[in-house]
Every structure is written in structure tokens, then in C-alpha cells.
Protein backbone atom coordinates (compact mmCIF):
# COMPACT_ATOMS: atom_id res chain seq x y z
CA MET A 1 -17.25 -14.79 15.56
CA LYS A 2 -18.04 -17.62 13.59
CA LEU A 3 -17.52 -17.75 9.77
CA GLU A 4 -21.06 -18.94 8.77
CA ASN A 5 -22.03 -17.79 4.88
CA LYS A 6 -18.41 -17.60 4.13
CA GLU A 7 -17.48 -17.24 0.89
CA LEU A 8 -13.74 -17.30 -0.43
CA ILE A 9 -12.75 -13.88 -2.21
CA VAL A 10 -8.55 -14.14 -1.93
CA LYS A 11 -6.36 -16.86 -1.52
CA ARG A 12 -2.70 -16.28 -0.97
CA PRO A 13 0.29 -18.01 0.35
CA TYR A 14 0.00 -17.07 3.72
CA LYS A 15 -3.90 -15.90 4.09
CA GLU A 16 -7.39 -16.62 3.10
CA VAL A 17 -9.88 -13.69 2.59
CA TYR A 18 -13.63 -14.51 3.26
CA LYS A 19 -16.81 -12.49 2.88
CA CYS A 20 -19.19 -13.05 5.83
CA GLU A 21 -22.46 -11.20 5.90
CA ASP A 22 -21.34 -7.50 7.51
CA ALA A 23 -17.20 -8.56 7.49
CA ILE A 24 -14.48 -9.31 5.67
CA VAL A 25 -12.49 -11.92 7.69
CA LYS A 26 -8.94 -12.64 6.88
CA VAL A 27 -7.43 -16.04 8.13
CA PHE A 28 -3.81 -16.38 8.14
CA GLU A 29 -1.79 -19.32 8.03
CA GLU A 30 -0.93 -20.78 11.56
CA SER A 31 3.13 -20.22 10.76
CA HIS A 32 1.97 -16.40 10.13
CA PRO A 33 3.24 -14.56 13.40
CA LYS A 34 0.43 -13.60 15.65
CA SER A 35 1.98 -10.31 16.10
CA ASP A 36 1.94 -9.71 12.65
CA VAL A 37 -1.93 -10.02 12.65
CA PHE A 38 -2.60 -7.97 15.97
CA ASN A 39 -0.13 -5.37 14.59
CA GLU A 40 -2.14 -4.96 11.28
CA ALA A 41 -5.19 -4.66 13.54
CA LEU A 42 -3.43 -1.96 15.58
CA ILE A 43 -2.48 -0.15 12.38
CA THR A 44 -5.94 -0.01 10.89
CA ALA A 45 -7.55 0.87 14.20
CA ARG A 46 -4.87 3.83 14.05
CA ILE A 47 -5.69 4.94 10.60
CA GLU A 48 -9.53 5.09 12.50
CA GLU A 49 -8.40 7.35 14.69
CA THR A 50 -7.24 10.06 12.09
CA GLY A 51 -11.59 10.80 11.36
CA LEU A 52 -10.94 8.85 7.63
CA ASP A 53 -13.59 6.93 6.84
CA ILE A 54 -12.21 3.42 5.85
CA PRO A 55 -13.54 0.08 7.16
CA LYS A 56 -13.25 -0.14 11.07
CA VAL A 57 -11.65 -3.52 13.09
CA LYS A 58 -14.78 -6.11 14.40
CA GLU A 59 -13.13 -8.45 15.90
CA VAL A 60 -9.50 -10.59 15.99
CA PHE A 61 -10.38 -14.18 16.76
CA GLN A 62 -8.81 -17.41 15.85
CA VAL A 63 -10.49 -19.94 13.73
CA ASP A 64 -8.96 -23.60 13.91
CA LYS A 65 -5.73 -21.91 15.19
CA LYS A 66 -5.55 -19.90 12.96
CA TRP A 67 -5.59 -16.20 13.78
CA ALA A 68 -8.39 -14.33 11.95
CA ILE A 69 -9.14 -10.05 11.76
CA ALA A 70 -12.53 -9.53 10.69
CA ILE A 71 -13.20 -5.92 8.98
CA GLU A 72 -15.70 -4.04 8.27
CA TYR A 73 -17.70 -4.57 4.82
CA LYS A 74 -17.73 -1.99 2.58
CA ASP A 75 -20.53 -2.69 -0.77
CA GLY A 76 -19.08 -1.55 -4.27
CA LYS A 77 -16.78 -2.10 -7.35
CA THR A 78 -12.98 -1.74 -6.85
CA LEU A 79 -11.73 1.24 -9.01
CA GLU A 80 -9.53 -0.85 -10.69
CA GLU A 81 -12.36 -2.91 -12.08
CA MET A 82 -13.77 0.37 -13.28
CA MET A 83 -10.78 1.58 -14.43
CA GLU A 84 -10.44 -1.72 -16.69
CA SER A 85 -13.73 -1.76 -17.86
CA ASP A 86 -14.15 2.04 -19.08
CA LYS A 87 -10.70 2.87 -20.21
CA LYS A 88 -11.86 6.13 -22.29
CA ASN A 89 -12.36 7.66 -19.18
CA LEU A 90 -9.22 6.75 -16.71
CA GLU A 91 -7.86 10.06 -16.91
CA LYS A 92 -11.22 11.40 -14.62
CA TYR A 93 -10.76 8.13 -12.22
CA MET A 94 -7.11 8.84 -11.64
CA GLU A 95 -7.58 12.12 -11.16
CA ASP A 96 -10.31 10.71 -8.31
CA PHE A 97 -7.44 8.64 -7.11
CA VAL A 98 -4.98 11.20 -6.69
CA ASP A 99 -7.29 13.43 -5.06
CA LEU A 100 -7.94 10.57 -2.36
CA GLN A 101 -4.24 9.96 -1.57
CA LEU A 102 -3.72 13.41 -1.21
CA GLU A 103 -6.88 13.65 1.49
CA ILE A 104 -4.84 10.77 3.43
CA HIS A 105 -1.29 12.45 3.61
CA LYS A 106 -3.12 15.29 5.05
CA LYS A 107 -3.68 13.25 8.04
CA THR A 108 -1.37 12.44 10.93
CA SER A 109 -0.72 9.84 13.41
CA PRO A 110 1.84 9.88 15.94
CA LEU A 111 2.14 6.56 17.01
CA LEU A 112 1.92 5.15 14.17
CA LYS A 113 5.72 3.28 12.47
CA GLY A 114 7.92 5.57 11.00
CA MET A 115 8.29 4.61 6.79
CA LYS A 116 12.02 5.46 7.13
CA ASP A 117 12.63 2.73 9.86
CA LYS A 118 10.35 0.14 7.61
CA LEU A 119 12.32 1.20 4.41
CA VAL A 120 15.58 0.44 6.11
CA ARG A 121 14.66 -2.83 7.88
CA GLN A 122 13.62 -4.04 4.50
CA ILE A 123 16.86 -2.35 2.05
CA ASN A 124 18.73 -4.58 5.21
CA SER A 125 16.65 -7.58 4.10
CA LEU A 126 17.65 -7.89 0.59
CA LYS A 127 19.95 -10.88 -0.56
CA GLU A 128 19.56 -9.20 -3.92
CA LEU A 129 21.96 -6.83 -3.65
CA ASP A 130 25.40 -6.58 -2.10
CA ALA A 131 26.78 -4.18 0.44
CA THR A 132 27.93 -1.75 -1.87
CA ASN A 133 24.47 -1.55 -3.15
CA ARG A 134 22.63 -1.51 -0.17
CA TYR A 135 24.81 1.23 1.66
CA GLU A 136 24.27 3.46 -1.63
CA LEU A 137 19.76 2.87 -0.68
CA LEU A 138 20.27 3.76 2.89
CA THR A 139 22.91 6.68 1.51
CA ARG A 140 19.89 7.99 0.03
CA LEU A 141 17.26 7.24 2.44
CA GLU A 142 19.15 9.06 5.08
CA SER A 143 19.62 12.17 3.03
CA MET A 144 15.77 12.17 1.95
CA PRO A 145 13.80 15.12 4.14
CA LYS A 146 11.80 13.45 6.94
CA HIS A 147 7.98 13.76 7.19
CA ASN A 148 5.16 12.76 9.55
CA LYS A 149 2.01 11.85 7.17
CA VAL A 150 0.11 9.00 7.23
CA CYS A 151 1.04 7.10 3.80
CA HIS A 152 -0.68 4.09 2.84
CA GLY A 153 2.38 2.00 1.76
CA ASP A 154 0.08 -0.06 -0.76
CA PHE A 155 -2.17 3.05 -2.58
CA ASN A 156 -3.27 1.30 -5.74
CA PRO A 157 -6.84 0.69 -7.58
CA SER A 158 -7.36 -2.19 -6.36
CA ASN A 159 -7.59 -1.07 -2.54
CA VAL A 160 -10.09 1.92 -3.16
CA ILE A 161 -14.22 0.29 -2.90
CA VAL A 162 -16.15 2.03 -5.03
CA GLY A 163 -19.83 2.63 -3.72
CA LYS A 164 -23.20 2.47 -5.86
CA ASN A 165 -23.24 6.13 -4.25
CA GLY A 166 -19.47 7.23 -5.71
CA LYS A 167 -18.35 7.36 -2.42
CA MET A 168 -14.36 5.92 -2.34
CA THR A 169 -13.43 3.84 0.47
CA VAL A 170 -9.70 2.97 0.96
CA VAL A 171 -8.62 -0.64 2.20
CA ASP A 172 -5.88 -2.86 3.40
CA TRP A 173 -3.67 -0.47 5.76
CA ALA A 174 -1.45 -3.34 6.48
CA HIS A 175 1.29 -1.47 5.21
CA ALA A 176 0.31 2.04 6.83
CA THR A 177 3.51 3.78 7.95
CA GLN A 178 4.21 7.78 8.98
CA GLY A 179 6.07 9.46 6.65
CA ASN A 180 7.25 11.02 3.13
CA ALA A 181 4.23 11.73 1.00
CA SER A 182 6.66 11.37 -1.81
CA ALA A 183 8.19 8.27 -1.39
CA ASP A 184 4.55 6.94 -0.97
CA ALA A 185 3.72 8.22 -4.22
CA ALA A 186 6.71 6.57 -6.14
CA MET A 187 5.19 3.24 -4.57
CA THR A 188 1.93 3.81 -6.57
CA TYR A 189 3.84 4.54 -9.08
CA LEU A 190 6.19 1.42 -9.37
CA LEU A 191 2.39 -0.61 -8.75
CA PHE A 192 1.24 0.94 -11.56
CA ALA A 193 4.27 0.39 -13.76
CA LEU A 194 4.19 -3.25 -12.90
CA LYS A 195 1.37 -3.54 -14.99
CA ASP A 196 0.89 -0.58 -17.40
CA GLN A 197 3.73 1.90 -18.07
CA ASP A 198 1.45 4.34 -19.72
CA THR A 199 -0.79 4.26 -16.64
CA ALA A 200 2.22 5.16 -14.26
CA ASP A 201 2.76 7.93 -16.59
CA LEU A 202 -0.01 9.23 -16.00
CA TYR A 203 -0.68 8.93 -12.50
CA MET A 204 2.78 10.59 -11.66
CA LYS A 205 1.80 13.75 -13.94
CA LEU A 206 -1.62 14.30 -11.88
CA PHE A 207 0.13 13.35 -8.35
CA CYS A 208 2.95 16.42 -9.22
CA GLN A 209 0.54 18.62 -10.62
CA LYS A 210 -2.31 17.89 -7.88
CA SER A 211 0.72 18.26 -4.92
CA ASP A 212 2.94 20.55 -6.25
CA THR A 213 5.34 18.48 -6.53
CA PRO A 214 8.55 17.97 -9.02
CA ARG A 215 8.15 14.87 -10.63
CA GLN A 216 12.65 14.89 -9.72
CA TYR A 217 11.84 15.17 -6.41
CA VAL A 218 9.16 11.79 -6.98
CA GLN A 219 11.87 9.88 -9.01
CA GLN A 220 14.28 9.79 -6.23
CA TRP A 221 12.63 8.02 -4.28
CA LEU A 222 12.24 5.22 -6.69
CA PRO A 223 15.31 3.19 -6.20
CA ILE A 224 14.42 3.01 -2.00
CA VAL A 225 10.79 1.97 -2.44
CA ALA A 226 12.03 -1.03 -5.25
CA GLY A 227 14.07 -2.09 -2.87
CA ALA A 228 11.36 -2.17 -0.41
CA GLN A 229 9.01 -3.90 -3.16
CA LEU A 230 11.77 -6.46 -3.83
CA ALA A 231 11.82 -7.14 -0.41
CA LYS A 232 8.66 -8.48 -0.41
CA ASP A 233 9.93 -11.84 -2.28
CA ASN A 234 7.92 -11.49 -5.01
CA GLU A 235 9.51 -13.53 -8.27
CA LEU A 236 7.67 -12.09 -10.84
CA GLU A 237 8.51 -8.71 -9.87
CA LYS A 238 12.25 -9.42 -9.82
CA GLU A 239 13.75 -7.85 -12.81
CA PHE A 240 11.42 -4.77 -12.76
CA LEU A 241 11.46 -3.81 -9.67
CA MET A 242 16.22 -4.06 -10.20
CA LYS A 243 15.86 -2.15 -13.15
CA TRP A 244 14.93 0.98 -10.55
CA ILE A 245 17.44 -0.07 -7.99
CA ASP A 246 19.97 1.17 -10.35
CA ILE A 247 20.80 4.25 -8.33
CA ILE A 248 23.07 6.14 -11.31
CA ASP A 249 19.98 6.63 -13.20
CA TYR A 250 18.93 8.94 -10.45
CA GLN A 251 21.70 10.69 -9.51
């Protein structure tokens, strides 16, 4: 695939994302592991096979020795943009957002990697926590119920595209696993709370109502997923996440 008429839409330390005609193209730095690029394409293909209507993988290729993934382009605005520009309808948007997440959780994909294994690796990699705190998090994780639902892993309004007809499409499936839906919800709650606590609380209320899940159960996952998010080593999030990792608050 040739990168013609490309428009840079996202720039991160390890990748650049372009809009190219009918595709979104992620171009990764040369230092980015080749296996991670192919794994992202594979995960996305696995999600396609569940029947969810998501942007499909078109191609994995190289650009100037850099690996790249081309994914089908979906026209529209992000749900995040709509929430910010139309705040009086925030609750309606949030209801649609939660409904969409619950539709995802109805799916299974037996060949997706397990959420628990991924969380164990992330917690074990934490340099900010001593062995005692890592042990506490891993013990808590081991005690939590094991499920096999499809979980996005980074489900937030910036990853939901709303088309002109109102149809919502979920993008960016690189972090998807099979596991416990309430852990996925706990991660979404944290992503909201990083920006605005009131919005996070609205999300939690609606998720628990619509899924008939006790709030306390989702909260039990918060220290665990905060540890997983901390492993991504975002300096701006570190202080906030460390507060959520305090085990005592959720005993």
C-alpha cells in the first residue's frame, strides 16, 4: 500500500497515524517490535470474527523499514467530541456508550489472549510498587471470578466513532482480551476519572444499573486495573493511579 494523500491525525512517541483515502494507517517506529504490530492486526481480525461491526484490517506492510497497519476508515465524529460539544445531552450519550460496551461483552472469542495473564504480566512489571504491594494485587486478582467475555481494554469515548446516521463503531482494538466484563468497566471508569470525576461517576452508575452489577464488585477491580494502567508508564497519570492502588480502601 502506498501512503498517498496522507493526513497526519495522531502522533505518539512510538507511532504516527494517518488518514489515507479509505484507510487509517498506523506507522510504527523502527524500534517497535514487529511481533506487536502483527499481534495488533491479529487481535483486530479475531474481533471481526465475533460478528461485531468494526473497522476491518486491510493490510500489514512496511514503509521505509517501518511496519504499518492499514485499517478500514469510518467517517464520523468521536463520541468524546459529541459529549464535549453537547454537554446537556451527556447522560443520553453515556447511556448509548454503556449499551455499546454491553453488546461487546456479550461476545466471546476463545482464541483471544486472556485478560488475567495480561494483568499478571503488567503488575509484575511495576517498578513503582514493592514486592509486598505487587503480591497483594496479584492475590486479589487470583481471587476474582474468571470469565471469558470480549473486553476492549481501552473503551472510552475517543474510541467510538459516530457516523452521520448515528451508528456507533468501536475502533482501536489493540488491547482487547477475553476476561471479566467488570474489569473492563473498571478500566473505563479510571479513564473517565483521569479527566473528570463526575463523568466517571455517571458512567459507573449507568454501567451498574444496565448490567445489574453491584458497584462494590466493579470497585474491587480498581486497584488491579490501576496497576495495569500504571505499567504503561505515563508520567502524567502516575500520582492519580497510585492512589487507586491503595489496597486497604477496597478490602
